[in-house]
Amino acid sequence: GPAIFGAAKDSDPNRYDSIIQEFRAELAKAE
């Protein structure tokens, strides 16, 4: 959910790839 963006907002830009992977995983579950 939106919590992903909040956690990665200012934490570590380098973790952006990981955030995307988690986001895609959630999208996959939604579909």
PDB file of N, CA and C in Angstrom:
ATOM      1  N   GLY A   1       0.815  -1.212   0.000  1.00  0.00           N
ATOM      2  CA  GLY A   1       0.000   0.000   0.000  1.00  0.00           C
ATOM      3  C   GLY A   1       0.845   1.257   0.000  1.00  0.00           C
ATOM      4  N   PRO A   2       0.228   2.384   0.233  1.00  0.00           N
ATOM      5  CA  PRO A   2       0.900   3.695   0.236  1.00  0.00           C
ATOM      6  C   PRO A   2       2.035   3.767   1.249  1.00  0.00           C
ATOM      7  N   ALA A   3       2.027   2.879   2.231  1.00  0.00           N
ATOM      8  CA  ALA A   3       3.073   2.887   3.263  1.00  0.00           C
ATOM      9  C   ALA A   3       4.454   2.732   2.645  1.00  0.00           C
ATOM     10  N   ILE A   4       4.520   2.034   1.520  1.00  0.00           N
ATOM     11  CA  ILE A   4       5.802   1.817   0.844  1.00  0.00           C
ATOM     12  C   ILE A   4       6.432   3.155   0.483  1.00  0.00           C
ATOM     13  N   PHE A   5       5.628   4.044  -0.091  1.00  0.00           N
ATOM     14  CA  PHE A   5       6.145   5.340  -0.522  1.00  0.00           C
ATOM     15  C   PHE A   5       6.580   6.168   0.679  1.00  0.00           C
ATOM     16  N   GLY A   6       5.825   6.093   1.749  1.00  0.00           N
ATOM     17  CA  GLY A   6       6.162   6.843   2.950  1.00  0.00           C
ATOM     18  C   GLY A   6       7.481   6.375   3.538  1.00  0.00           C
ATOM     19  N   ALA A   7       7.709   5.069   3.517  1.00  0.00           N
ATOM     20  CA  ALA A   7       8.922   4.503   4.096  1.00  0.00           C
ATOM     21  C   ALA A   7      10.144   4.853   3.262  1.00  0.00           C
ATOM     22  N   ALA A   8       9.973   4.940   1.958  1.00  0.00           N
ATOM     23  CA  ALA A   8      11.114   5.166   1.069  1.00  0.00           C
ATOM     24  C   ALA A   8      11.248   6.637   0.688  1.00  0.00           C
ATOM     25  N   LYS A   9      10.313   7.450   1.105  1.00  0.00           N
ATOM     26  CA  LYS A   9      10.297   8.853   0.704  1.00  0.00           C
ATOM     27  C   LYS A   9      11.644   9.542   0.940  1.00  0.00           C
ATOM     28  N   ASP A  10      12.138   9.458   2.168  1.00  0.00           N
ATOM     29  CA  ASP A  10      13.400  10.134   2.493  1.00  0.00           C
ATOM     30  C   ASP A  10      14.401   9.204   3.166  1.00  0.00           C
ATOM     31  N   SER A  11      14.085   7.928   3.191  1.00  0.00           N
ATOM     32  CA  SER A  11      14.968   6.979   3.868  1.00  0.00           C
ATOM     33  C   SER A  11      16.251   6.766   3.079  1.00  0.00           C
ATOM     34  N   ASP A  12      16.170   5.936   2.019  1.00  0.00           N
ATOM     35  CA  ASP A  12      17.353   5.624   1.216  1.00  0.00           C
ATOM     36  C   ASP A  12      16.988   5.552  -0.258  1.00  0.00           C
ATOM     37  N   PRO A  13      17.331   6.577  -1.026  1.00  0.00           N
ATOM     38  CA  PRO A  13      17.045   6.569  -2.472  1.00  0.00           C
ATOM     39  C   PRO A  13      17.603   5.331  -3.150  1.00  0.00           C
ATOM     40  N   ASN A  14      18.667   4.769  -2.579  1.00  0.00           N
ATOM     41  CA  ASN A  14      19.289   3.590  -3.176  1.00  0.00           C
ATOM     42  C   ASN A  14      18.385   2.374  -3.088  1.00  0.00           C
ATOM     43  N   ARG A  15      17.404   2.440  -2.203  1.00  0.00           N
ATOM     44  CA  ARG A  15      16.501   1.300  -2.029  1.00  0.00           C
ATOM     45  C   ARG A  15      15.311   1.397  -2.965  1.00  0.00           C
ATOM     46  N   TYR A  16      15.325   2.396  -3.841  1.00  0.00           N
ATOM     47  CA  TYR A  16      14.188   2.620  -4.734  1.00  0.00           C
ATOM     48  C   TYR A  16      13.853   1.369  -5.527  1.00  0.00           C
ATOM     49  N   ASP A  17      14.883   0.672  -6.010  1.00  0.00           N
ATOM     50  CA  ASP A  17      14.656  -0.551  -6.794  1.00  0.00           C
ATOM     51  C   ASP A  17      13.884  -1.569  -5.968  1.00  0.00           C
ATOM     52  N   SER A  18      14.249  -1.696  -4.703  1.00  0.00           N
ATOM     53  CA  SER A  18      13.561  -2.652  -3.831  1.00  0.00           C
ATOM     54  C   SER A  18      12.111  -2.232  -3.638  1.00  0.00           C
ATOM     55  N   ILE A  19      11.901  -0.928  -3.504  1.00  0.00           N
ATOM     56  CA  ILE A  19      10.540  -0.414  -3.335  1.00  0.00           C
ATOM     57  C   ILE A  19       9.701  -0.771  -4.550  1.00  0.00           C
ATOM     58  N   ILE A  20      10.281  -0.589  -5.742  1.00  0.00           N
ATOM     59  CA  ILE A  20       9.562  -0.900  -6.978  1.00  0.00           C
ATOM     60  C   ILE A  20       9.194  -2.373  -7.016  1.00  0.00           C
ATOM     61  N   GLN A  21      10.123  -3.219  -6.628  1.00  0.00           N
ATOM     62  CA  GLN A  21       9.862  -4.663  -6.645  1.00  0.00           C
ATOM     63  C   GLN A  21       8.703  -4.995  -5.709  1.00  0.00           C
ATOM     64  N   GLU A  22       8.696  -4.391  -4.530  1.00  0.00           N
ATOM     65  CA  GLU A  22       7.618  -4.658  -3.577  1.00  0.00           C
ATOM     66  C   GLU A  22       6.303  -4.125  -4.128  1.00  0.00           C
ATOM     67  N   PHE A  23       6.371  -2.947  -4.749  1.00  0.00           N
ATOM     68  CA  PHE A  23       5.169  -2.339  -5.315  1.00  0.00           C
ATOM     69  C   PHE A  23       4.595  -3.226  -6.405  1.00  0.00           C
ATOM     70  N   ARG A  24       5.461  -3.732  -7.274  1.00  0.00           N
ATOM     71  CA  ARG A  24       5.007  -4.623  -8.351  1.00  0.00           C
ATOM     72  C   ARG A  24       4.401  -5.891  -7.770  1.00  0.00           C
ATOM     73  N   ALA A  25       4.971  -6.370  -6.681  1.00  0.00           N
ATOM     74  CA  ALA A  25       4.453  -7.580  -6.037  1.00  0.00           C
ATOM     75  C   ALA A  25       3.030  -7.337  -5.553  1.00  0.00           C
ATOM     76  N   GLU A  26       2.793  -6.149  -4.989  1.00  0.00           N
ATOM     77  CA  GLU A  26       1.451  -5.827  -4.513  1.00  0.00           C
ATOM     78  C   GLU A  26       0.496  -5.687  -5.687  1.00  0.00           C
ATOM     79  N   LEU A  27       0.979  -5.099  -6.770  1.00  0.00           N
ATOM     80  CA  LEU A  27       0.141  -4.963  -7.963  1.00  0.00           C
ATOM     81  C   LEU A  27      -0.230  -6.336  -8.491  1.00  0.00           C
ATOM     82  N   ALA A  28       0.726  -7.241  -8.456  1.00  0.00           N
ATOM     83  CA  ALA A  28       0.482  -8.598  -8.943  1.00  0.00           C
ATOM     84  C   ALA A  28      -0.592  -9.270  -8.093  1.00  0.00           C
ATOM     85  N   LYS A  29      -0.550  -9.019  -6.783  1.00  0.00           N
ATOM     86  CA  LYS A  29      -1.554  -9.602  -5.894  1.00  0.00           C
ATOM     87  C   LYS A  29      -2.922  -9.014  -6.206  1.00  0.00           C
ATOM     88  N   ALA A  30      -2.953  -7.714  -6.492  1.00  0.00           N
ATOM     89  CA  ALA A  30      -4.216  -7.037  -6.785  1.00  0.00           C
ATOM     90  C   ALA A  30      -4.845  -7.621  -8.041  1.00  0.00           C
ATOM     91  N   GLU A  31      -3.996  -7.966  -8.983  1.00  0.00           N
ATOM     92  CA  GLU A  31      -4.505  -8.542 -10.226  1.00  0.00           C
ATOM     93  C   GLU A  31      -4.700 -10.031 -10.023  1.00  0.00           C
TER      94      GLU A  31
END
